[in-house]
Amino acid sequence: MGEPRTTTETCSLRELGRNQNGAMLIMGIFMATFVVAMLYYVAGIGETIVYRERMQDAADSGAMAGAVFLARGMNLIVMMNVTLASVFAVLVSAWTAFFLILSAAGIAASECNPPYRWTGCIPAICLLISLAPACGKIKDAEGIVSDVSSATQRVSNNAARLVPLAAAATVLEGTLNDFSPPANNPLAGIGVLGSLDNLPVENDPSPPVCDFTSYPWGDYNGSALSYGLNVYHAIKLARDTAICGSSYVNKAAVSALGWELLSCLIAKSKVKNKPKRVTNGAELGGDAFQFRALINGTPPYGAGDENANDRRVGIGTWGHSDDAGRFWSALSPLTRISFAQSEFYWDNEADRARWMWEFKWRARLRRFRPSDRFCSGAGSRICGAVSTAVVH
């Protein structure tokens, strides 16, 4: 049996139980651990959000750049249409000059009434002879229109086919140059969803070239001025072509307004199916005018099991790795992948016939929506999830 405790020892144990010295140290250790855990938690989540925003900036920038590229492609095709119309105006002027010379010959012939009146006989014959070189100028103008239409059509076809590919390549280069990291995976740095089709244009079987060049009432910019200039050049060409009888050409000039309109209707067949128009059925705001970018990158703080933020969030949840893993698994895909959408559009609400005749194609960002053709059937649920996840 051991020796019984003394009264002094019993009192010391009671005093030790009531002693509060060092209590704050123990609380401080727990609070320090809690603060460090919260800092790790904030650092892990915060760093993830920062790079998530960085990835979204890359997607927005890429989508906007792609749409701007496509809008410029459409404006390039507009330039080809306008170029062809300008050359077509030369052919119309040649036809108008031919009719003016023919009218002048008729006026001269009306003054030829042998043996009583011989005034217009020689000019009438001379003007009729002048019709041959006038026909030659028409043939020359038709050859020029044919050559120019072939060249402009090649440029337009190549632009419609290659501009979307060039837009994707430009987005890829810009993304990897300006947003790496986190978009630092060159094999999966950019994906373009539903945006690599040709530009939505097709050959126009009935191009509005007369509205653009020969109808003074046309609502195209400068159509009245173009009409006046064409009439002026036609009268000048008729005077230069006529071997003689320029005074009769001046008398016939009052009919140039009507001959200009008739000439355009006659020559219009030479540019049939040459200019481009917006594809029949394609409407502004539709899928054909959208550019969707998918930016995929590897976060610089690691991915998967190597990710430091996973461990940080685990510390912040006091070692409950399962909860931390579920929380991180929800954030991780948003860190590595970002979507964005933009569109190119014609900046006016005028008749669609004008869409390919004025330089008003622009670009703007839109809220992301997956392409309709990828969202039919079983893909509708996936597209709905993607649309919900992408918030701007």
Foldseek 3Di string as FASTA:
>chain_A
DDDDDDPVVVVVVVVVVVDCPCVVVVVVVVVVLLVLLVVLQCVLVVVLVVLLVLQQVLQAVLQQLLLQLLLVLLLLLLVLVVVLLVLLLQLLLLQLLLVLLVQLLVVLVVQPDPPVGHRSVVLNVLSVVLSVVSVVSNVVSLVVSLVSLVVSLVSSVCSQQCSLVVSQVVSLVCSCVPPPVFLPDSVQFKDKALRNHGQQKFFAQQAPSCLQAADLPRPDVCNVVNNVVSLVSSLVVSLVSRPDSNVSSVVSSVCSSVSSSVSCVVSRNSCGRRRMAGHPPDDPVASSFKIKMKGFGAGPQGDDPSHPSLVSNCSSVVNPSVVSVVVVVVSRVSSGIAMWMKGKDFPDDDDRSCSSNDSRIHMDTDQDAHHPVQCPDPNVVVRVVVSVVHDD
